[in-house]
């Protein structure tokens, strides 16, 4: 089961689009700090940037898992499957703060 090119490209475009928006948010935050904006306004924008990063993180993880496990279906080597599963579990536990 290979991931169709158009799906992979759409996921990549979506991720890149969101990262560009986050980049704009960060530049806006820099301007707010330089412009001595109120702390409450800066913190509100920081929270929005954090939420956007979490959203992109979820998309990147989904993309990674989709790619990884579409390739696993093509491989029948149990040792390779176990190694990739271990790698995935390690990666995911870092995002949930378990490791």
Protein backbone atom coordinates (compact mmCIF):
# COMPACT_ATOMS: atom_id res chain seq x y z
CA UNK A 1 0.00 0.00 0.00
CA UNK A 2 1.89 3.03 -1.24
CA UNK A 3 0.73 6.50 -0.32
CA UNK A 4 -0.60 8.21 -3.46
CA UNK A 5 1.61 11.05 -4.65
CA UNK A 6 -1.25 13.54 -4.69
CA UNK A 7 -2.12 12.80 -1.05
CA UNK A 8 1.52 13.08 0.01
CA UNK A 9 1.91 16.36 -1.90
CA UNK A 10 -1.32 17.76 -0.43
CA UNK A 11 -0.15 16.92 3.10
CA UNK A 12 3.19 18.61 2.40
CA UNK A 13 1.52 21.74 0.98
CA UNK A 14 -0.76 21.93 4.02
CA UNK A 15 2.17 21.61 6.44
CA UNK A 16 4.25 24.22 4.59
CA UNK A 17 1.30 26.63 4.42
CA UNK A 18 0.75 26.36 8.16
CA UNK A 19 4.47 26.81 8.87
CA UNK A 20 4.48 30.01 6.81
CA UNK A 21 1.52 31.30 8.83
CA UNK A 22 3.36 30.47 12.06
CA UNK A 23 6.42 32.25 10.74
CA UNK A 24 4.24 35.32 10.22
CA UNK A 25 2.88 34.99 13.75
CA UNK A 26 6.41 34.85 15.17
CA UNK A 27 7.45 37.92 13.19
CA UNK A 28 4.36 39.67 14.48
CA UNK A 29 5.32 38.71 18.03
CA UNK A 30 8.79 40.14 17.50
CA UNK A 31 7.19 43.38 16.33
CA UNK A 32 4.91 43.42 19.37
CA UNK A 33 7.88 43.02 21.72
CA UNK A 34 9.84 45.71 19.88
CA UNK A 35 6.78 47.95 19.94
CA UNK A 36 6.31 47.56 23.69
CA UNK A 37 2.83 46.08 23.35
CA UNK A 38 0.97 45.03 26.47
CA UNK A 39 2.05 41.71 27.98
CA UNK A 40 -1.51 40.41 27.79
CA UNK A 41 -1.59 40.96 24.02
CA UNK A 42 1.79 39.29 23.57
CA UNK A 43 0.78 36.31 25.71
CA UNK A 44 -2.45 35.93 23.74
CA UNK A 45 -0.49 35.80 20.49
CA UNK A 46 2.03 33.38 22.00
CA UNK A 47 -0.81 31.07 22.94
CA UNK A 48 -2.12 31.25 19.37
CA UNK A 49 1.36 30.43 18.00
CA UNK A 50 1.67 27.48 20.38
CA UNK A 51 -1.71 26.15 19.25
CA UNK A 52 -0.67 26.50 15.62
CA UNK A 53 2.58 24.62 16.31
CA UNK A 54 0.65 21.82 18.03
CA UNK A 55 -1.59 21.58 14.99
CA UNK A 56 1.38 21.37 12.62
CA UNK A 57 3.04 18.82 14.88
CA UNK A 58 -0.06 16.62 14.61
CA UNK A 59 -0.02 16.94 10.83
CA UNK A 60 3.68 16.08 10.59
CA UNK A 61 3.18 13.07 12.87
CA UNK A 62 0.22 11.95 10.78
CA UNK A 63 2.26 12.35 7.61
CA UNK A 64 5.18 10.42 9.11
CA UNK A 65 3.00 7.60 10.38
CA UNK A 66 1.07 7.38 7.13
CA UNK A 67 4.30 7.17 5.12
CA UNK A 68 6.01 4.83 7.55
CA UNK A 69 3.16 2.38 7.79
CA UNK A 70 2.31 2.43 4.11
CA UNK A 71 5.91 1.29 3.53
CA UNK A 72 5.68 -1.36 6.26
CA UNK A 73 2.97 -3.12 4.31
CA UNK A 74 5.52 -3.68 1.55
CA UNK A 75 8.09 -5.24 3.90
CA UNK A 76 7.70 -8.63 5.48
CA UNK A 77 10.91 -8.74 7.56
CA UNK A 78 9.75 -9.03 11.22
CA UNK A 79 12.98 -7.52 12.58
CA UNK A 80 12.60 -4.45 10.37
CA UNK A 81 8.94 -4.08 11.34
CA UNK A 82 9.84 -4.27 15.03
CA UNK A 83 12.68 -1.75 14.62
CA UNK A 84 10.38 0.75 12.92
CA UNK A 85 7.68 0.24 15.52
CA UNK A 86 10.21 0.89 18.29
CA UNK A 87 11.37 4.05 16.52
CA UNK A 88 7.78 5.25 16.18
CA UNK A 89 6.95 4.58 19.83
CA UNK A 90 10.09 6.46 20.92
CA UNK A 91 9.16 9.43 18.75
CA UNK A 92 5.57 9.54 19.96
CA UNK A 93 6.47 9.25 23.63
CA UNK A 94 8.66 12.34 23.29
CA UNK A 95 5.60 14.30 22.17
CA UNK A 96 3.42 13.12 25.02
CA UNK A 97 6.12 13.76 27.60
CA UNK A 98 6.53 10.14 28.63
CA UNK A 99 10.24 9.92 27.83
